[in-house]
Amino acid sequence: QVQSRVSRQIGTLEAVEDGVILHCYADGLEWMARFLIGTSLRFSVIKPPELRDKLREIARIIYNMTREEHDAPDT
């Protein structure tokens, strides 16, 4: 399943007992965070810790966007 969502240009995949490790390098944390989210796969970030921070930041933004109530005018 991972191989179908992560191309070889992104990085290398290593099968491990609990799943798969993606080894890769990215120009920016924002891009990597959005890429991981876009795979729709469950994942954990081993390193760098800054990537976890970026994922949390994006999650907060999405949460805030969805929790705001906008009342539609009555028609």
PDB file of N, CA and C in Angstrom:
ATOM      1  N   GLN A   1       0.833  -1.189   0.000  1.00  0.00           N
ATOM      2  CA  GLN A   1       0.000   0.000   0.000  1.00  0.00           C
ATOM      3  C   GLN A   1       0.883   1.261   0.000  1.00  0.00           C
ATOM      4  N   VAL A   2       1.932   1.244   0.779  1.00  0.00           N
ATOM      5  CA  VAL A   2       2.819   2.403   0.843  1.00  0.00           C
ATOM      6  C   VAL A   2       3.498   2.629  -0.503  1.00  0.00           C
ATOM      7  N   GLN A   3       3.957   1.560  -1.134  1.00  0.00           N
ATOM      8  CA  GLN A   3       4.647   1.687  -2.422  1.00  0.00           C
ATOM      9  C   GLN A   3       3.767   2.351  -3.468  1.00  0.00           C
ATOM     10  N   SER A   4       2.473   2.138  -3.410  1.00  0.00           N
ATOM     11  CA  SER A   4       1.589   2.741  -4.403  1.00  0.00           C
ATOM     12  C   SER A   4       1.375   4.234  -4.160  1.00  0.00           C
ATOM     13  N   ARG A   5       1.709   4.728  -2.970  1.00  0.00           N
ATOM     14  CA  ARG A   5       1.479   6.137  -2.636  1.00  0.00           C
ATOM     15  C   ARG A   5       2.753   6.957  -2.488  1.00  0.00           C
ATOM     16  N   VAL A   6       3.907   6.277  -2.457  1.00  0.00           N
ATOM     17  CA  VAL A   6       5.182   6.981  -2.280  1.00  0.00           C
ATOM     18  C   VAL A   6       6.108   6.570  -3.417  1.00  0.00           C
ATOM     19  N   SER A   7       6.381   7.508  -4.310  1.00  0.00           N
ATOM     20  CA  SER A   7       7.231   7.180  -5.453  1.00  0.00           C
ATOM     21  C   SER A   7       8.696   7.094  -5.043  1.00  0.00           C
ATOM     22  N   ARG A   8       9.474   6.471  -5.878  1.00  0.00           N
ATOM     23  CA  ARG A   8      10.914   6.325  -5.606  1.00  0.00           C
ATOM     24  C   ARG A   8      11.628   7.667  -5.621  1.00  0.00           C
ATOM     25  N   GLN A   9      11.066   8.661  -6.297  1.00  0.00           N
ATOM     26  CA  GLN A   9      11.684   9.987  -6.308  1.00  0.00           C
ATOM     27  C   GLN A   9      11.591  10.660  -4.938  1.00  0.00           C
ATOM     28  N   ILE A  10      10.637  10.248  -4.119  1.00  0.00           N
ATOM     29  CA  ILE A  10      10.466  10.843  -2.791  1.00  0.00           C
ATOM     30  C   ILE A  10      11.514  10.305  -1.823  1.00  0.00           C
ATOM     31  N   GLY A  11      11.765   9.003  -1.870  1.00  0.00           N
ATOM     32  CA  GLY A  11      12.726   8.409  -0.958  1.00  0.00           C
ATOM     33  C   GLY A  11      12.720   6.896  -1.073  1.00  0.00           C
ATOM     34  N   THR A  12      13.391   6.259  -0.142  1.00  0.00           N
ATOM     35  CA  THR A  12      13.446   4.799  -0.149  1.00  0.00           C
ATOM     36  C   THR A  12      12.595   4.259   0.996  1.00  0.00           C
ATOM     37  N   LEU A  13      12.014   3.090   0.753  1.00  0.00           N
ATOM     38  CA  LEU A  13      11.179   2.440   1.747  1.00  0.00           C
ATOM     39  C   LEU A  13      11.932   1.253   2.327  1.00  0.00           C
ATOM     40  N   GLU A  14      11.833   1.100   3.622  1.00  0.00           N
ATOM     41  CA  GLU A  14      12.484  -0.016   4.309  1.00  0.00           C
ATOM     42  C   GLU A  14      11.434  -0.765   5.115  1.00  0.00           C
ATOM     43  N   ALA A  15      11.223  -2.037   4.789  1.00  0.00           N
ATOM     44  CA  ALA A  15      10.279  -2.852   5.539  1.00  0.00           C
ATOM     45  C   ALA A  15      10.864  -3.179   6.910  1.00  0.00           C
ATOM     46  N   VAL A  16      10.065  -2.958   7.945  1.00  0.00           N
ATOM     47  CA  VAL A  16      10.452  -3.290   9.316  1.00  0.00           C
ATOM     48  C   VAL A  16       9.311  -4.083   9.953  1.00  0.00           C
ATOM     49  N   GLU A  17       9.554  -4.621  11.119  1.00  0.00           N
ATOM     50  CA  GLU A  17       8.573  -5.487  11.769  1.00  0.00           C
ATOM     51  C   GLU A  17       7.207  -4.822  11.942  1.00  0.00           C
ATOM     52  N   ASP A  18       7.197  -3.551  12.315  1.00  0.00           N
ATOM     53  CA  ASP A  18       5.944  -2.860  12.591  1.00  0.00           C
ATOM     54  C   ASP A  18       5.378  -2.088  11.412  1.00  0.00           C
ATOM     55  N   GLY A  19       6.019  -2.156  10.253  1.00  0.00           N
ATOM     56  CA  GLY A  19       5.525  -1.403   9.104  1.00  0.00           C
ATOM     57  C   GLY A  19       6.621  -1.088   8.120  1.00  0.00           C
ATOM     58  N   VAL A  20       6.676   0.170   7.730  1.00  0.00           N
ATOM     59  CA  VAL A  20       7.628   0.619   6.714  1.00  0.00           C
ATOM     60  C   VAL A  20       8.227   1.944   7.168  1.00  0.00           C
ATOM     61  N   ILE A  21       9.524   2.099   6.956  1.00  0.00           N
ATOM     62  CA  ILE A  21      10.182   3.380   7.231  1.00  0.00           C
ATOM     63  C   ILE A  21      10.493   4.046   5.904  1.00  0.00           C
ATOM     64  N   LEU A  22      10.122   5.309   5.791  1.00  0.00           N
ATOM     65  CA  LEU A  22      10.442   6.123   4.625  1.00  0.00           C
ATOM     66  C   LEU A  22      11.674   6.941   4.959  1.00  0.00           C
ATOM     67  N   HIS A  23      12.742   6.739   4.201  1.00  0.00           N
ATOM     68  CA  HIS A  23      13.970   7.531   4.332  1.00  0.00           C
ATOM     69  C   HIS A  23      13.970   8.536   3.190  1.00  0.00           C
ATOM     70  N   CYS A  24      13.998   9.820   3.534  1.00  0.00           N
ATOM     71  CA  CYS A  24      13.953  10.813   2.463  1.00  0.00           C
ATOM     72  C   CYS A  24      14.544  12.135   2.928  1.00  0.00           C
ATOM     73  N   TYR A  25      14.748  12.999   1.958  1.00  0.00           N
ATOM     74  CA  TYR A  25      15.204  14.355   2.197  1.00  0.00           C
ATOM     75  C   TYR A  25      14.237  15.270   1.477  1.00  0.00           C
ATOM     76  N   ALA A  26      13.913  16.391   2.110  1.00  0.00           N
ATOM     77  CA  ALA A  26      12.987  17.339   1.503  1.00  0.00           C
ATOM     78  C   ALA A  26      13.550  18.743   1.651  1.00  0.00           C
ATOM     79  N   ASP A  27      13.175  19.597   0.703  1.00  0.00           N
ATOM     80  CA  ASP A  27      13.632  20.983   0.755  1.00  0.00           C
ATOM     81  C   ASP A  27      12.977  21.765   1.877  1.00  0.00           C
ATOM     82  N   GLY A  28      11.791  21.328   2.286  1.00  0.00           N
ATOM     83  CA  GLY A  28      11.090  22.078   3.324  1.00  0.00           C
ATOM     84  C   GLY A  28      10.156  21.210   4.136  1.00  0.00           C
ATOM     85  N   LEU A  29       9.990  21.579   5.390  1.00  0.00           N
ATOM     86  CA  LEU A  29       9.107  20.829   6.277  1.00  0.00           C
ATOM     87  C   LEU A  29       7.651  20.942   5.859  1.00  0.00           C
ATOM     88  N   GLU A  30       7.260  22.112   5.391  1.00  0.00           N
ATOM     89  CA  GLU A  30       5.868  22.323   4.959  1.00  0.00           C
ATOM     90  C   GLU A  30       5.508  21.336   3.853  1.00  0.00           C
ATOM     91  N   TRP A  31       6.384  21.219   2.864  1.00  0.00           N
ATOM     92  CA  TRP A  31       6.123  20.307   1.753  1.00  0.00           C
ATOM     93  C   TRP A  31       6.031  18.864   2.243  1.00  0.00           C
ATOM     94  N   MET A  32       6.971  18.444   3.086  1.00  0.00           N
ATOM     95  CA  MET A  32       6.976  17.064   3.561  1.00  0.00           C
ATOM     96  C   MET A  32       5.749  16.773   4.410  1.00  0.00           C
ATOM     97  N   ALA A  33       5.382  17.698   5.266  1.00  0.00           N
ATOM     98  CA  ALA A  33       4.193  17.503   6.101  1.00  0.00           C
ATOM     99  C   ALA A  33       2.951  17.329   5.235  1.00  0.00           C
ATOM    100  N   ARG A  34       2.795  18.185   4.257  1.00  0.00           N
ATOM    101  CA  ARG A  34       1.614  18.089   3.380  1.00  0.00           C
ATOM    102  C   ARG A  34       1.654  16.819   2.537  1.00  0.00           C
ATOM    103  N   PHE A  35       2.839  16.400   2.124  1.00  0.00           N
ATOM    104  CA  PHE A  35       2.958  15.157   1.373  1.00  0.00           C
ATOM    105  C   PHE A  35       2.495  13.983   2.232  1.00  0.00           C
ATOM    106  N   LEU A  36       2.987  13.908   3.467  1.00  0.00           N
ATOM    107  CA  LEU A  36       2.610  12.804   4.353  1.00  0.00           C
ATOM    108  C   LEU A  36       1.107  12.794   4.619  1.00  0.00           C
ATOM    109  N   ILE A  37       0.543  13.961   4.877  1.00  0.00           N
ATOM    110  CA  ILE A  37      -0.900  14.049   5.091  1.00  0.00           C
ATOM    111  C   ILE A  37      -1.637  13.561   3.848  1.00  0.00           C
ATOM    112  N   GLY A  38      -1.144  13.938   2.680  1.00  0.00           N
ATOM    113  CA  GLY A  38      -1.795  13.585   1.424  1.00  0.00           C
ATOM    114  C   GLY A  38      -1.763  12.106   1.082  1.00  0.00           C
ATOM    115  N   THR A  39      -0.886  11.347   1.720  1.00  0.00           N
ATOM    116  CA  THR A  39      -0.853   9.913   1.432  1.00  0.00           C
ATOM    117  C   THR A  39      -2.046   9.179   2.030  1.00  0.00           C
ATOM    118  N   SER A  40      -2.692   9.785   3.005  1.00  0.00           N
ATOM    119  CA  SER A  40      -3.809   9.165   3.737  1.00  0.00           C
ATOM    120  C   SER A  40      -3.396   7.889   4.460  1.00  0.00           C
ATOM    121  N   LEU A  41      -2.112   7.736   4.710  1.00  0.00           N
ATOM    122  CA  LEU A  41      -1.597   6.589   5.455  1.00  0.00           C
ATOM    123  C   LEU A  41      -1.376   6.990   6.913  1.00  0.00           C
ATOM    124  N   ARG A  42      -1.487   6.033   7.813  1.00  0.00           N
ATOM    125  CA  ARG A  42      -1.117   6.291   9.206  1.00  0.00           C
ATOM    126  C   ARG A  42       0.407   6.315   9.276  1.00  0.00           C
ATOM    127  N   PHE A  43       0.945   7.276   9.998  1.00  0.00           N
ATOM    128  CA  PHE A  43       2.396   7.377  10.089  1.00  0.00           C
ATOM    129  C   PHE A  43       2.812   7.974  11.420  1.00  0.00           C
ATOM    130  N   SER A  44       4.039   7.747  11.775  1.00  0.00           N
ATOM    131  CA  SER A  44       4.693   8.378  12.921  1.00  0.00           C
ATOM    132  C   SER A  44       5.982   8.995  12.403  1.00  0.00           C
ATOM    133  N   VAL A  45       6.325  10.138  12.944  1.00  0.00           N
ATOM    134  CA  VAL A  45       7.562  10.805  12.555  1.00  0.00           C
ATOM    135  C   VAL A  45       8.651  10.418  13.549  1.00  0.00           C
ATOM    136  N   ILE A  46       9.704   9.815  13.036  1.00  0.00           N
ATOM    137  CA  ILE A  46      10.849   9.461  13.875  1.00  0.00           C
ATOM    138  C   ILE A  46      11.750  10.682  14.052  1.00  0.00           C
ATOM    139  N   LYS A  47      12.071  11.316  12.943  1.00  0.00           N
ATOM    140  CA  LYS A  47      12.850  12.554  12.964  1.00  0.00           C
ATOM    141  C   LYS A  47      12.682  13.261  11.640  1.00  0.00           C
ATOM    142  N   PRO A  48      12.839  14.522  11.583  1.00  0.00           N
ATOM    143  CA  PRO A  48      13.242  15.432  12.649  1.00  0.00           C
ATOM    144  C   PRO A  48      12.038  15.863  13.496  1.00  0.00           C
ATOM    145  N   PRO A  49      12.278  16.268  14.738  1.00  0.00           N
ATOM    146  CA  PRO A  49      11.168  16.711  15.586  1.00  0.00           C
ATOM    147  C   PRO A  49      10.462  17.946  15.035  1.00  0.00           C
ATOM    148  N   GLU A  50      11.179  18.725  14.243  1.00  0.00           N
ATOM    149  CA  GLU A  50      10.559  19.913  13.629  1.00  0.00           C
ATOM    150  C   GLU A  50       9.437  19.525  12.676  1.00  0.00           C
ATOM    151  N   LEU A  51       9.514  18.344  12.078  1.00  0.00           N
ATOM    152  CA  LEU A  51       8.438  17.886  11.197  1.00  0.00           C
ATOM    153  C   LEU A  51       7.183  17.608  12.016  1.00  0.00           C
ATOM    154  N   ARG A  52       7.342  17.038  13.202  1.00  0.00           N
ATOM    155  CA  ARG A  52       6.182  16.841  14.087  1.00  0.00           C
ATOM    156  C   ARG A  52       5.552  18.185  14.427  1.00  0.00           C
ATOM    157  N   ASP A  53       6.392  19.193  14.704  1.00  0.00           N
ATOM    158  CA  ASP A  53       5.880  20.531  15.008  1.00  0.00           C
ATOM    159  C   ASP A  53       5.091  21.097  13.831  1.00  0.00           C
ATOM    160  N   LYS A  54       5.616  20.919  12.625  1.00  0.00           N
ATOM    161  CA  LYS A  54       4.930  21.434  11.434  1.00  0.00           C
ATOM    162  C   LYS A  54       3.592  20.730  11.233  1.00  0.00           C
ATOM    163  N   LEU A  55       3.555  19.416  11.454  1.00  0.00           N
ATOM    164  CA  LEU A  55       2.302  18.663  11.337  1.00  0.00           C
ATOM    165  C   LEU A  55       1.277  19.159  12.356  1.00  0.00           C
ATOM    166  N   ARG A  56       1.718  19.420  13.574  1.00  0.00           N
ATOM    167  CA  ARG A  56       0.812  19.960  14.602  1.00  0.00           C
ATOM    168  C   ARG A  56       0.285  21.338  14.206  1.00  0.00           C
ATOM    169  N   GLU A  57       1.155  22.145  13.637  1.00  0.00           N
ATOM    170  CA  GLU A  57       0.744  23.483  13.186  1.00  0.00           C
ATOM    171  C   GLU A  57      -0.342  23.378  12.109  1.00  0.00           C
ATOM    172  N   ILE A  58      -0.139  22.509  11.142  1.00  0.00           N
ATOM    173  CA  ILE A  58      -1.133  22.324  10.083  1.00  0.00           C
ATOM    174  C   ILE A  58      -2.432  21.772  10.671  1.00  0.00           C
ATOM    175  N   ALA A  59      -2.315  20.839  11.612  1.00  0.00           N
ATOM    176  CA  ALA A  59      -3.510  20.269  12.251  1.00  0.00           C
ATOM    177  C   ALA A  59      -4.294  21.357  12.988  1.00  0.00           C
ATOM    178  N   ARG A  60      -3.591  22.255  13.682  1.00  0.00           N
ATOM    179  CA  ARG A  60      -4.277  23.351  14.385  1.00  0.00           C
ATOM    180  C   ARG A  60      -5.008  24.259  13.403  1.00  0.00           C
ATOM    181  N   ILE A  61      -4.357  24.554  12.283  1.00  0.00           N
ATOM    182  CA  ILE A  61      -4.989  25.403  11.275  1.00  0.00           C
ATOM    183  C   ILE A  61      -6.258  24.747  10.752  1.00  0.00           C
ATOM    184  N   ILE A  62      -6.177  23.472  10.423  1.00  0.00           N
ATOM    185  CA  ILE A  62      -7.350  22.755   9.914  1.00  0.00           C
ATOM    186  C   ILE A  62      -8.438  22.697  10.981  1.00  0.00           C
ATOM    187  N   TYR A  63      -8.053  22.409  12.215  1.00  0.00           N
ATOM    188  CA  TYR A  63      -9.028  22.359  13.298  1.00  0.00           C
ATOM    189  C   TYR A  63      -9.746  23.700  13.437  1.00  0.00           C
ATOM    190  N   ASN A  64      -8.989  24.787  13.449  1.00  0.00           N
ATOM    191  CA  ASN A  64      -9.594  26.113  13.588  1.00  0.00           C
ATOM    192  C   ASN A  64     -10.505  26.455  12.416  1.00  0.00           C
ATOM    193  N   MET A  65     -10.143  26.007  11.228  1.00  0.00           N
ATOM    194  CA  MET A  65     -10.982  26.266  10.057  1.00  0.00           C
ATOM    195  C   MET A  65     -12.309  25.524  10.160  1.00  0.00           C
ATOM    196  N   THR A  66     -12.300  24.355  10.747  1.00  0.00           N
ATOM    197  CA  THR A  66     -13.514  23.546  10.786  1.00  0.00           C
ATOM    198  C   THR A  66     -14.356  23.805  12.024  1.00  0.00           C
ATOM    199  N   ARG A  67     -13.806  24.406  13.052  1.00  0.00           N
ATOM    200  CA  ARG A  67     -14.596  24.624  14.259  1.00  0.00           C
ATOM    201  C   ARG A  67     -15.344  25.941  14.259  1.00  0.00           C
ATOM    202  N   GLU A  68     -14.919  26.849  13.413  1.00  0.00           N
ATOM    203  CA  GLU A  68     -15.606  28.144  13.351  1.00  0.00           C
ATOM    204  C   GLU A  68     -16.967  27.955  12.730  1.00  0.00           C
ATOM    205  N   GLU A  69     -17.962  28.537  13.411  1.00  0.00           N
ATOM    206  CA  GLU A  69     -19.321  28.434  12.900  1.00  0.00           C
ATOM    207  C   GLU A  69     -19.652  29.695  12.128  1.00  0.00           C
ATOM    208  N   HIS A  70     -20.106  29.482  10.939  1.00  0.00           N
ATOM    209  CA  HIS A  70     -20.533  30.595  10.091  1.00  0.00           C
ATOM    210  C   HIS A  70     -22.027  30.404   9.850  1.00  0.00           C
ATOM    211  N   ASP A  71     -22.793  31.310  10.384  1.00  0.00           N
ATOM    212  CA  ASP A  71     -24.233  31.207  10.208  1.00  0.00           C
ATOM    213  C   ASP A  71     -24.600  31.661   8.805  1.00  0.00           C
ATOM    214  N   ALA A  72     -25.314  30.818   8.123  1.00  0.00           N
ATOM    215  CA  ALA A  72     -25.801  31.180   6.791  1.00  0.00           C
ATOM    216  C   ALA A  72     -27.049  32.037   6.961  1.00  0.00           C
ATOM    217  N   PRO A  73     -27.206  33.034   6.128  1.00  0.00           N
ATOM    218  CA  PRO A  73     -28.408  33.874   6.227  1.00  0.00           C
ATOM    219  C   PRO A  73     -29.658  33.058   5.906  1.00  0.00           C
ATOM    220  N   ASP A  74     -30.720  33.388   6.586  1.00  0.00           N
ATOM    221  CA  ASP A  74     -31.998  32.720   6.305  1.00  0.00           C
ATOM    222  C   ASP A  74     -32.491  33.117   4.937  1.00  0.00           C
ATOM    223  N   THR A  75     -33.011  32.139   4.226  1.00  0.00           N
ATOM    224  CA  THR A  75     -33.537  32.436   2.878  1.00  0.00           C
ATOM    225  C   THR A  75     -34.996  32.118   2.815  1.00  0.00           C
TER     226      THR A  75
END
